[in-house]
All heavy atoms as atom14 arrays in JSON, in Angstrom:
{
  "sequence": "SRLRRRVIQELHAQGLSYAQIAKEAGLTRGRIHQIRHTGPAPEGAFLG",
  "atom14_mask": [
    [1, 1, 1, 1, 1, 1, 0, 0, 0, 0, 0, 0, 0, 0],
    [1, 1, 1, 1, 1, 1, 1, 1, 1, 1, 1, 0, 0, 0],
    [1, 1, 1, 1, 1, 1, 1, 1, 0, 0, 0, 0, 0, 0],
    [1, 1, 1, 1, 1, 1, 1, 1, 1, 1, 1, 0, 0, 0],
    [1, 1, 1, 1, 1, 1, 1, 1, 1, 1, 1, 0, 0, 0],
    [1, 1, 1, 1, 1, 1, 1, 1, 1, 1, 1, 0, 0, 0],
    [1, 1, 1, 1, 1, 1, 1, 0, 0, 0, 0, 0, 0, 0],
    [1, 1, 1, 1, 1, 1, 1, 1, 0, 0, 0, 0, 0, 0],
    [1, 1, 1, 1, 1, 1, 1, 1, 1, 0, 0, 0, 0, 0],
    [1, 1, 1, 1, 1, 1, 1, 1, 1, 0, 0, 0, 0, 0],
    [1, 1, 1, 1, 1, 1, 1, 1, 0, 0, 0, 0, 0, 0],
    [1, 1, 1, 1, 1, 1, 1, 1, 1, 1, 0, 0, 0, 0],
    [1, 1, 1, 1, 1, 0, 0, 0, 0, 0, 0, 0, 0, 0],
    [1, 1, 1, 1, 1, 1, 1, 1, 1, 0, 0, 0, 0, 0],
    [1, 1, 1, 1, 0, 0, 0, 0, 0, 0, 0, 0, 0, 0],
    [1, 1, 1, 1, 1, 1, 1, 1, 0, 0, 0, 0, 0, 0],
    [1, 1, 1, 1, 1, 1, 0, 0, 0, 0, 0, 0, 0, 0],
    [1, 1, 1, 1, 1, 1, 1, 1, 1, 1, 1, 1, 0, 0],
    [1, 1, 1, 1, 1, 0, 0, 0, 0, 0, 0, 0, 0, 0],
    [1, 1, 1, 1, 1, 1, 1, 1, 1, 0, 0, 0, 0, 0],
    [1, 1, 1, 1, 1, 1, 1, 1, 0, 0, 0, 0, 0, 0],
    [1, 1, 1, 1, 1, 0, 0, 0, 0, 0, 0, 0, 0, 0],
    [1, 1, 1, 1, 1, 1, 1, 1, 1, 0, 0, 0, 0, 0],
    [1, 1, 1, 1, 1, 1, 1, 1, 1, 0, 0, 0, 0, 0],
    [1, 1, 1, 1, 1, 0, 0, 0, 0, 0, 0, 0, 0, 0],
    [1, 1, 1, 1, 0, 0, 0, 0, 0, 0, 0, 0, 0, 0],
    [1, 1, 1, 1, 1, 1, 1, 1, 0, 0, 0, 0, 0, 0],
    [1, 1, 1, 1, 1, 1, 1, 0, 0, 0, 0, 0, 0, 0],
    [1, 1, 1, 1, 1, 1, 1, 1, 1, 1, 1, 0, 0, 0],
    [1, 1, 1, 1, 0, 0, 0, 0, 0, 0, 0, 0, 0, 0],
    [1, 1, 1, 1, 1, 1, 1, 1, 1, 1, 1, 0, 0, 0],
    [1, 1, 1, 1, 1, 1, 1, 1, 0, 0, 0, 0, 0, 0],
    [1, 1, 1, 1, 1, 1, 1, 1, 1, 1, 0, 0, 0, 0],
    [1, 1, 1, 1, 1, 1, 1, 1, 1, 0, 0, 0, 0, 0],
    [1, 1, 1, 1, 1, 1, 1, 1, 0, 0, 0, 0, 0, 0],
    [1, 1, 1, 1, 1, 1, 1, 1, 1, 1, 1, 0, 0, 0],
    [1, 1, 1, 1, 1, 1, 1, 1, 1, 1, 0, 0, 0, 0],
    [1, 1, 1, 1, 1, 1, 1, 0, 0, 0, 0, 0, 0, 0],
    [1, 1, 1, 1, 0, 0, 0, 0, 0, 0, 0, 0, 0, 0],
    [1, 1, 1, 1, 1, 1, 1, 0, 0, 0, 0, 0, 0, 0],
    [1, 1, 1, 1, 1, 0, 0, 0, 0, 0, 0, 0, 0, 0],
    [1, 1, 1, 1, 1, 1, 1, 0, 0, 0, 0, 0, 0, 0],
    [1, 1, 1, 1, 1, 1, 1, 1, 1, 0, 0, 0, 0, 0],
    [1, 1, 1, 1, 0, 0, 0, 0, 0, 0, 0, 0, 0, 0],
    [1, 1, 1, 1, 1, 0, 0, 0, 0, 0, 0, 0, 0, 0],
    [1, 1, 1, 1, 1, 1, 1, 1, 1, 1, 1, 0, 0, 0],
    [1, 1, 1, 1, 1, 1, 1, 1, 0, 0, 0, 0, 0, 0],
    [1, 1, 1, 1, 0, 0, 0, 0, 0, 0, 0, 0, 0, 0]
  ],
  "atom14_positions": [
    [[-4.84, -3.25, 8.4], [-3.5, -2.75, 8.09], [-2.84, -3.62, 7.03], [-2.21, -3.14, 6.09], [-2.63, -2.73, 9.35], [-3.16, -1.84, 10.31], [0.0, 0.0, 0.0], [0.0, 0.0, 0.0], [0.0, 0.0, 0.0], [0.0, 0.0, 0.0], [0.0, 0.0, 0.0], [0.0, 0.0, 0.0], [0.0, 0.0, 0.0], [0.0, 0.0, 0.0]],
    [[-3.02, -4.95, 7.17], [-2.46, -5.88, 6.19], [-3.09, -5.67, 4.81], [-2.43, -5.63, 3.79], [-2.68, -7.32, 6.66], [-1.86, -8.35, 5.88], [-2.3, -9.78, 6.19], [-2.57, -10.02, 7.59], [-1.64, -10.33, 8.49], [-0.38, -10.4, 8.14], [-1.99, -10.57, 9.75], [0.0, 0.0, 0.0], [0.0, 0.0, 0.0], [0.0, 0.0, 0.0]],
    [[-4.42, -5.48, 4.81], [-5.14, -5.28, 3.56], [-4.73, -3.98, 2.88], [-4.51, -3.92, 1.66], [-6.65, -5.29, 3.84], [-7.58, -5.07, 2.65], [-7.39, -6.17, 1.61], [-9.03, -5.03, 3.12], [0.0, 0.0, 0.0], [0.0, 0.0, 0.0], [0.0, 0.0, 0.0], [0.0, 0.0, 0.0], [0.0, 0.0, 0.0], [0.0, 0.0, 0.0]],
    [[-4.58, -2.94, 3.65], [-4.19, -1.63, 3.11], [-2.81, -1.7, 2.48], [-2.58, -1.19, 1.37], [-4.24, -0.6, 4.24], [-4.08, 0.84, 3.81], [-4.34, 1.78, 4.96], [-3.49, 1.51, 6.12], [-3.45, 2.3, 7.19], [-4.2, 3.38, 7.25], [-2.66, 2.0, 8.21], [0.0, 0.0, 0.0], [0.0, 0.0, 0.0], [0.0, 0.0, 0.0]],
    [[-1.89, -2.34, 3.17], [-0.53, -2.48, 2.64], [-0.53, -3.31, 1.35], [0.19, -3.01, 0.4], [0.35, -3.13, 3.71], [1.82, -3.17, 3.36], [2.62, -3.66, 4.56], [4.0, -3.94, 4.2], [4.91, -4.43, 5.03], [4.59, -4.65, 6.3], [6.14, -4.68, 4.64], [0.0, 0.0, 0.0], [0.0, 0.0, 0.0], [0.0, 0.0, 0.0]],
    [[-1.36, -4.35, 1.33], [-1.43, -5.21, 0.14], [-1.96, -4.45, -1.07], [-1.44, -4.57, -2.17], [-2.33, -6.42, 0.42], [-2.34, -7.45, -0.7], [-3.3, -8.56, -0.38], [-4.62, -8.31, -0.94], [-5.71, -9.02, -0.65], [-5.65, -10.0, 0.22], [-6.85, -8.74, -1.22], [0.0, 0.0, 0.0], [0.0, 0.0, 0.0], [0.0, 0.0, 0.0]],
    [[-3.0, -3.65, -0.86], [-3.59, -2.9, -1.97], [-2.59, -1.92, -2.55], [-2.48, -1.77, -3.78], [-4.87, -2.17, -1.51], [-5.35, -1.2, -2.58], [-5.96, -3.18, -1.19], [0.0, 0.0, 0.0], [0.0, 0.0, 0.0], [0.0, 0.0, 0.0], [0.0, 0.0, 0.0], [0.0, 0.0, 0.0], [0.0, 0.0, 0.0], [0.0, 0.0, 0.0]],
    [[-1.81, -1.26, -1.68], [-0.8, -0.33, -2.18], [0.23, -1.07, -3.02], [0.63, -0.61, -4.1], [-0.13, 0.4, -1.0], [-1.13, 1.39, -0.37], [1.12, 1.16, -1.46], [-0.62, 2.03, 0.9], [0.0, 0.0, 0.0], [0.0, 0.0, 0.0], [0.0, 0.0, 0.0], [0.0, 0.0, 0.0], [0.0, 0.0, 0.0], [0.0, 0.0, 0.0]],
    [[0.67, -2.24, -2.55], [1.64, -3.03, -3.32], [1.07, -3.44, -4.67], [1.75, -3.38, -5.7], [2.07, -4.26, -2.52], [2.95, -3.95, -1.32], [3.44, -5.2, -0.64], [3.16, -6.32, -1.06], [4.17, -5.03, 0.45], [0.0, 0.0, 0.0], [0.0, 0.0, 0.0], [0.0, 0.0, 0.0], [0.0, 0.0, 0.0], [0.0, 0.0, 0.0]],
    [[-0.2, -3.86, -4.68], [-0.82, -4.31, -5.92], [-0.98, -3.16, -6.91], [-0.72, -3.32, -8.11], [-2.17, -4.96, -5.63], [-2.05, -6.31, -4.9], [-3.4, -6.85, -4.48], [-4.4, -6.08, -4.54], [-3.46, -8.03, -4.07], [0.0, 0.0, 0.0], [0.0, 0.0, 0.0], [0.0, 0.0, 0.0], [0.0, 0.0, 0.0], [0.0, 0.0, 0.0]],
    [[-1.4, -2.0, -6.43], [-1.56, -0.84, -7.31], [-0.21, -0.41, -7.88], [-0.1, -0.06, -9.07], [-2.2, 0.31, -6.54], [-3.68, 0.13, -6.18], [-4.14, 1.25, -5.25], [-4.55, 0.1, -7.43], [0.0, 0.0, 0.0], [0.0, 0.0, 0.0], [0.0, 0.0, 0.0], [0.0, 0.0, 0.0], [0.0, 0.0, 0.0], [0.0, 0.0, 0.0]],
    [[0.82, -0.44, -7.04], [2.15, -0.06, -7.52], [2.65, -1.06, -8.56], [3.26, -0.68, -9.57], [3.12, 0.03, -6.36], [4.47, 0.56, -6.73], [4.65, 1.82, -7.26], [5.7, -0.01, -6.66], [5.94, 2.01, -7.5], [6.59, 0.92, -7.16], [0.0, 0.0, 0.0], [0.0, 0.0, 0.0], [0.0, 0.0, 0.0], [0.0, 0.0, 0.0]],
    [[2.36, -2.36, -8.34], [2.78, -3.38, -9.29], [2.06, -3.24, -10.63], [2.58, -3.65, -11.67], [2.51, -4.78, -8.71], [0.0, 0.0, 0.0], [0.0, 0.0, 0.0], [0.0, 0.0, 0.0], [0.0, 0.0, 0.0], [0.0, 0.0, 0.0], [0.0, 0.0, 0.0], [0.0, 0.0, 0.0], [0.0, 0.0, 0.0], [0.0, 0.0, 0.0]],
    [[0.87, -2.62, -10.6], [0.11, -2.39, -11.84], [0.63, -1.17, -12.6], [0.15, -0.88, -13.7], [-1.36, -2.2, -11.51], [-2.04, -3.46, -10.98], [-3.42, -3.19, -10.41], [-4.0, -2.12, -10.63], [-3.95, -4.14, -9.66], [0.0, 0.0, 0.0], [0.0, 0.0, 0.0], [0.0, 0.0, 0.0], [0.0, 0.0, 0.0], [0.0, 0.0, 0.0]],
    [[1.61, -0.46, -12.03], [2.22, 0.65, -12.74], [1.93, 2.03, -12.19], [2.44, 3.03, -12.71], [0.0, 0.0, 0.0], [0.0, 0.0, 0.0], [0.0, 0.0, 0.0], [0.0, 0.0, 0.0], [0.0, 0.0, 0.0], [0.0, 0.0, 0.0], [0.0, 0.0, 0.0], [0.0, 0.0, 0.0], [0.0, 0.0, 0.0], [0.0, 0.0, 0.0]],
    [[1.11, 2.13, -11.14], [0.83, 3.44, -10.55], [1.98, 3.87, -9.65], [2.55, 3.05, -8.92], [-0.47, 3.39, -9.74], [-1.79, 3.62, -10.5], [-2.09, 2.41, -11.4], [-2.93, 3.87, -9.53], [0.0, 0.0, 0.0], [0.0, 0.0, 0.0], [0.0, 0.0, 0.0], [0.0, 0.0, 0.0], [0.0, 0.0, 0.0], [0.0, 0.0, 0.0]],
    [[2.3, 5.14, -9.71], [3.31, 5.67, -8.81], [2.68, 5.87, -7.43], [1.45, 5.94, -7.29], [3.84, 7.0, -9.33], [2.84, 8.02, -9.23], [0.0, 0.0, 0.0], [0.0, 0.0, 0.0], [0.0, 0.0, 0.0], [0.0, 0.0, 0.0], [0.0, 0.0, 0.0], [0.0, 0.0, 0.0], [0.0, 0.0, 0.0], [0.0, 0.0, 0.0]],
    [[3.54, 5.99, -6.42], [3.03, 6.23, -5.08], [2.34, 7.59, -4.99], [1.38, 7.77, -4.23], [4.15, 6.1, -4.06], [4.69, 4.7, -3.97], [6.03, 4.43, -4.24], [3.87, 3.63, -3.63], [6.53, 3.14, -4.17], [4.36, 2.34, -3.56], [5.68, 2.1, -3.84], [6.17, 0.82, -3.78], [0.0, 0.0, 0.0], [0.0, 0.0, 0.0]],
    [[2.81, 8.55, -5.77], [2.16, 9.85, -5.81], [0.74, 9.74, -6.37], [-0.19, 10.37, -5.86], [2.99, 10.82, -6.65], [0.0, 0.0, 0.0], [0.0, 0.0, 0.0], [0.0, 0.0, 0.0], [0.0, 0.0, 0.0], [0.0, 0.0, 0.0], [0.0, 0.0, 0.0], [0.0, 0.0, 0.0], [0.0, 0.0, 0.0], [0.0, 0.0, 0.0]],
    [[0.57, 8.93, -7.41], [-0.76, 8.72, -8.0], [-1.68, 8.01, -7.01], [-2.86, 8.38, -6.87], [-0.65, 7.9, -9.29], [-0.01, 8.64, -10.44], [0.23, 7.74, -11.63], [0.76, 6.63, -11.5], [-0.21, 8.19, -12.81], [0.0, 0.0, 0.0], [0.0, 0.0, 0.0], [0.0, 0.0, 0.0], [0.0, 0.0, 0.0], [0.0, 0.0, 0.0]],
    [[-1.15, 7.0, -6.35], [-1.96, 6.27, -5.36], [-2.4, 7.21, -4.25], [-3.57, 7.21, -3.83], [-1.17, 5.09, -4.79], [-0.83, 4.08, -5.9], [-1.95, 4.4, -3.66], [0.15, 3.0, -5.46], [0.0, 0.0, 0.0], [0.0, 0.0, 0.0], [0.0, 0.0, 0.0], [0.0, 0.0, 0.0], [0.0, 0.0, 0.0], [0.0, 0.0, 0.0]],
    [[-1.48, 8.05, -3.78], [-1.79, 8.99, -2.71], [-2.88, 9.96, -3.14], [-3.83, 10.23, -2.38], [-0.52, 9.75, -2.31], [0.0, 0.0, 0.0], [0.0, 0.0, 0.0], [0.0, 0.0, 0.0], [0.0, 0.0, 0.0], [0.0, 0.0, 0.0], [0.0, 0.0, 0.0], [0.0, 0.0, 0.0], [0.0, 0.0, 0.0], [0.0, 0.0, 0.0]],
    [[-2.77, 10.48, -4.36], [-3.75, 11.45, -4.85], [-5.13, 10.83, -4.93], [-6.13, 11.42, -4.48], [-3.32, 11.97, -6.22], [-4.28, 13.0, -6.8], [-3.8, 13.5, -8.15], [-4.79, 14.51, -8.76], [-4.34, 14.98, -10.1], [0.0, 0.0, 0.0], [0.0, 0.0, 0.0], [0.0, 0.0, 0.0], [0.0, 0.0, 0.0], [0.0, 0.0, 0.0]],
    [[-5.21, 9.61, -5.51], [-6.52, 8.97, -5.68], [-7.14, 8.56, -4.35], [-8.36, 8.52, -4.2], [-6.38, 7.75, -6.6], [-6.04, 8.08, -8.04], [-7.15, 8.89, -8.71], [-8.33, 8.67, -8.41], [-6.81, 9.77, -9.53], [0.0, 0.0, 0.0], [0.0, 0.0, 0.0], [0.0, 0.0, 0.0], [0.0, 0.0, 0.0], [0.0, 0.0, 0.0]],
    [[-6.27, 8.22, -3.38], [-6.78, 7.77, -2.08], [-7.02, 8.91, -1.12], [-7.54, 8.7, -0.01], [-5.78, 6.78, -1.47], [0.0, 0.0, 0.0], [0.0, 0.0, 0.0], [0.0, 0.0, 0.0], [0.0, 0.0, 0.0], [0.0, 0.0, 0.0], [0.0, 0.0, 0.0], [0.0, 0.0, 0.0], [0.0, 0.0, 0.0], [0.0, 0.0, 0.0]],
    [[-6.64, 10.14, -1.52], [-6.82, 11.28, -0.63], [-5.84, 11.29, 0.52], [-6.15, 11.8, 1.61], [0.0, 0.0, 0.0], [0.0, 0.0, 0.0], [0.0, 0.0, 0.0], [0.0, 0.0, 0.0], [0.0, 0.0, 0.0], [0.0, 0.0, 0.0], [0.0, 0.0, 0.0], [0.0, 0.0, 0.0], [0.0, 0.0, 0.0], [0.0, 0.0, 0.0]],
    [[-4.64, 10.71, 0.3], [-3.61, 10.67, 1.33], [-2.36, 11.37, 0.82], [-2.22, 11.6, -0.38], [-3.28, 9.21, 1.69], [-4.44, 8.36, 2.24], [-4.03, 6.91, 2.32], [-4.87, 8.87, 3.61], [0.0, 0.0, 0.0], [0.0, 0.0, 0.0], [0.0, 0.0, 0.0], [0.0, 0.0, 0.0], [0.0, 0.0, 0.0], [0.0, 0.0, 0.0]],
    [[-1.45, 11.67, 1.72], [-0.19, 12.25, 1.29], [0.74, 11.15, 0.81], [0.6, 9.98, 1.2], [0.49, 13.01, 2.43], [0.88, 12.07, 3.45], [-0.45, 14.05, 3.02], [0.0, 0.0, 0.0], [0.0, 0.0, 0.0], [0.0, 0.0, 0.0], [0.0, 0.0, 0.0], [0.0, 0.0, 0.0], [0.0, 0.0, 0.0], [0.0, 0.0, 0.0]],
    [[1.71, 11.54, -0.02], [2.7, 10.56, -0.48], [3.49, 10.0, 0.69], [3.81, 8.8, 0.73], [3.63, 11.22, -1.5], [4.62, 10.25, -2.13], [5.42, 10.92, -3.22], [6.38, 10.01, -3.79], [7.21, 10.32, -4.78], [7.17, 11.53, -5.31], [8.07, 9.43, -5.25], [0.0, 0.0, 0.0], [0.0, 0.0, 0.0], [0.0, 0.0, 0.0]],
    [[3.79, 10.85, 1.67], [4.51, 10.39, 2.85], [3.73, 9.33, 3.61], [4.3, 8.37, 4.13], [0.0, 0.0, 0.0], [0.0, 0.0, 0.0], [0.0, 0.0, 0.0], [0.0, 0.0, 0.0], [0.0, 0.0, 0.0], [0.0, 0.0, 0.0], [0.0, 0.0, 0.0], [0.0, 0.0, 0.0], [0.0, 0.0, 0.0], [0.0, 0.0, 0.0]],
    [[2.4, 9.53, 3.69], [1.56, 8.55, 4.39], [1.55, 7.22, 3.66], [1.58, 6.15, 4.28], [0.14, 9.1, 4.52], [-0.8, 8.2, 5.3], [-0.37, 8.07, 6.75], [-1.33, 7.29, 7.51], [-0.99, 6.32, 8.34], [0.29, 6.0, 8.51], [-1.9, 5.65, 9.01], [0.0, 0.0, 0.0], [0.0, 0.0, 0.0], [0.0, 0.0, 0.0]],
    [[1.51, 7.26, 2.32], [1.53, 6.03, 1.54], [2.83, 5.27, 1.79], [2.84, 4.05, 1.99], [1.37, 6.33, 0.03], [-0.05, 6.84, -0.25], [1.68, 5.09, -0.81], [-1.15, 5.82, -0.01], [0.0, 0.0, 0.0], [0.0, 0.0, 0.0], [0.0, 0.0, 0.0], [0.0, 0.0, 0.0], [0.0, 0.0, 0.0], [0.0, 0.0, 0.0]],
    [[3.95, 5.98, 1.79], [5.23, 5.34, 2.07], [5.26, 4.76, 3.47], [5.81, 3.67, 3.7], [6.37, 6.34, 1.87], [6.78, 6.52, 0.45], [7.57, 5.61, -0.22], [6.51, 7.5, -0.45], [7.77, 6.01, -1.47], [7.13, 7.16, -1.64], [0.0, 0.0, 0.0], [0.0, 0.0, 0.0], [0.0, 0.0, 0.0], [0.0, 0.0, 0.0]],
    [[4.66, 5.45, 4.42], [4.62, 4.95, 5.79], [3.81, 3.65, 5.87], [4.23, 2.69, 6.52], [4.01, 6.01, 6.72], [3.99, 5.6, 8.18], [3.29, 6.63, 9.04], [2.3, 7.23, 8.64], [3.82, 6.85, 10.24], [0.0, 0.0, 0.0], [0.0, 0.0, 0.0], [0.0, 0.0, 0.0], [0.0, 0.0, 0.0], [0.0, 0.0, 0.0]],
    [[2.68, 3.62, 5.2], [1.83, 2.42, 5.21], [2.58, 1.23, 4.59], [2.47, 0.1, 5.04], [0.52, 2.68, 4.45], [-0.34, 3.7, 5.23], [-0.26, 1.39, 4.23], [-1.54, 4.2, 4.45], [0.0, 0.0, 0.0], [0.0, 0.0, 0.0], [0.0, 0.0, 0.0], [0.0, 0.0, 0.0], [0.0, 0.0, 0.0], [0.0, 0.0, 0.0]],
    [[3.35, 1.52, 3.52], [4.1, 0.46, 2.84], [5.07, -0.25, 3.75], [5.36, -1.45, 3.54], [4.92, 1.05, 1.68], [4.17, 1.33, 0.41], [5.15, 1.84, -0.65], [6.17, 0.84, -0.93], [7.47, 1.1, -0.95], [7.93, 2.31, -0.68], [8.34, 0.14, -1.23], [0.0, 0.0, 0.0], [0.0, 0.0, 0.0], [0.0, 0.0, 0.0]],
    [[5.58, 0.44, 4.74], [6.67, -0.12, 5.54], [6.27, -0.41, 6.98], [7.13, -0.77, 7.79], [7.86, 0.84, 5.54], [8.45, 1.05, 4.18], [9.13, 0.06, 3.5], [8.44, 2.14, 3.36], [9.53, 0.52, 2.32], [9.13, 1.78, 2.22], [0.0, 0.0, 0.0], [0.0, 0.0, 0.0], [0.0, 0.0, 0.0], [0.0, 0.0, 0.0]],
    [[5.01, -0.28, 7.31], [4.56, -0.56, 8.67], [3.41, -1.54, 8.63], [2.75, -1.72, 7.61], [4.11, 0.73, 9.39], [3.04, 1.35, 8.64], [5.26, 1.71, 9.53], [0.0, 0.0, 0.0], [0.0, 0.0, 0.0], [0.0, 0.0, 0.0], [0.0, 0.0, 0.0], [0.0, 0.0, 0.0], [0.0, 0.0, 0.0], [0.0, 0.0, 0.0]],
    [[3.17, -2.17, 9.77], [2.07, -3.12, 9.84], [2.49, -4.49, 9.31], [3.58, -4.67, 8.77], [0.0, 0.0, 0.0], [0.0, 0.0, 0.0], [0.0, 0.0, 0.0], [0.0, 0.0, 0.0], [0.0, 0.0, 0.0], [0.0, 0.0, 0.0], [0.0, 0.0, 0.0], [0.0, 0.0, 0.0], [0.0, 0.0, 0.0], [0.0, 0.0, 0.0]],
    [[1.62, -5.48, 9.47], [1.95, -6.85, 9.07], [2.07, -6.98, 7.55], [1.33, -6.35, 6.8], [0.78, -7.67, 9.61], [-0.36, -6.7, 9.69], [0.27, -5.38, 10.04], [0.0, 0.0, 0.0], [0.0, 0.0, 0.0], [0.0, 0.0, 0.0], [0.0, 0.0, 0.0], [0.0, 0.0, 0.0], [0.0, 0.0, 0.0], [0.0, 0.0, 0.0]],
    [[3.01, -7.81, 7.11], [3.23, -8.01, 5.68], [2.04, -8.73, 5.05], [1.47, -9.65, 5.65], [4.5, -8.81, 5.47], [0.0, 0.0, 0.0], [0.0, 0.0, 0.0], [0.0, 0.0, 0.0], [0.0, 0.0, 0.0], [0.0, 0.0, 0.0], [0.0, 0.0, 0.0], [0.0, 0.0, 0.0], [0.0, 0.0, 0.0], [0.0, 0.0, 0.0]],
    [[1.66, -8.36, 3.83], [0.5, -8.97, 3.18], [0.61, -10.47, 3.01], [-0.4, -11.18, 3.08], [0.46, -8.26, 1.82], [1.18, -6.98, 2.02], [2.24, -7.26, 3.04], [0.0, 0.0, 0.0], [0.0, 0.0, 0.0], [0.0, 0.0, 0.0], [0.0, 0.0, 0.0], [0.0, 0.0, 0.0], [0.0, 0.0, 0.0], [0.0, 0.0, 0.0]],
    [[1.84, -10.99, 2.78], [1.98, -12.42, 2.5], [1.62, -13.3, 3.68], [1.44, -14.51, 3.53], [3.4, -12.74, 2.03], [4.5, -12.38, 2.99], [5.1, -11.01, 2.71], [4.4, -10.15, 2.14], [6.28, -10.81, 3.07], [0.0, 0.0, 0.0], [0.0, 0.0, 0.0], [0.0, 0.0, 0.0], [0.0, 0.0, 0.0], [0.0, 0.0, 0.0]],
    [[1.47, -12.71, 4.88], [1.02, -13.49, 6.01], [-0.36, -14.09, 5.78], [-0.71, -15.13, 6.36], [0.0, 0.0, 0.0], [0.0, 0.0, 0.0], [0.0, 0.0, 0.0], [0.0, 0.0, 0.0], [0.0, 0.0, 0.0], [0.0, 0.0, 0.0], [0.0, 0.0, 0.0], [0.0, 0.0, 0.0], [0.0, 0.0, 0.0], [0.0, 0.0, 0.0]],
    [[-1.15, -13.45, 4.91], [-2.5, -13.95, 4.61], [-2.45, -15.29, 3.89], [-3.49, -15.95, 3.76], [-3.27, -12.93, 3.77], [0.0, 0.0, 0.0], [0.0, 0.0, 0.0], [0.0, 0.0, 0.0], [0.0, 0.0, 0.0], [0.0, 0.0, 0.0], [0.0, 0.0, 0.0], [0.0, 0.0, 0.0], [0.0, 0.0, 0.0], [0.0, 0.0, 0.0]],
    [[-1.28, -15.7, 3.4], [-1.15, -17.05, 2.83], [-1.53, -18.1, 3.87], [-2.1, -19.15, 3.55], [0.28, -17.29, 2.34], [0.5, -18.63, 1.69], [0.22, -18.81, 0.34], [0.96, -19.7, 2.42], [0.41, -20.04, -0.26], [1.15, -20.94, 1.84], [0.88, -21.11, 0.48], [0.0, 0.0, 0.0], [0.0, 0.0, 0.0], [0.0, 0.0, 0.0]],
    [[-1.22, -17.82, 5.13], [-1.54, -18.75, 6.22], [-2.97, -18.6, 6.7], [-3.54, -19.55, 7.25], [-0.58, -18.52, 7.39], [0.92, -18.68, 7.07], [1.75, -18.29, 8.29], [1.23, -20.09, 6.63], [0.0, 0.0, 0.0], [0.0, 0.0, 0.0], [0.0, 0.0, 0.0], [0.0, 0.0, 0.0], [0.0, 0.0, 0.0], [0.0, 0.0, 0.0]],
    [[-3.55, -17.41, 6.53], [-4.91, -17.15, 6.98], [-5.02, -15.74, 7.49], [-4.07, -14.96, 7.45], [0.0, 0.0, 0.0], [0.0, 0.0, 0.0], [0.0, 0.0, 0.0], [0.0, 0.0, 0.0], [0.0, 0.0, 0.0], [0.0, 0.0, 0.0], [0.0, 0.0, 0.0], [0.0, 0.0, 0.0], [0.0, 0.0, 0.0], [0.0, 0.0, 0.0]]
  ]
}
């Protein structure tokens, strides 16, 4: 869950819209937004 959320953040930071990310990943835009806001934050991996 942490990894999935991180990848979405990184792709968005590279300039992709959430709609584009959803299309390429085979998910709905609503699901992408849900993943962005649920689960553990990616920066926790700084600790391990």
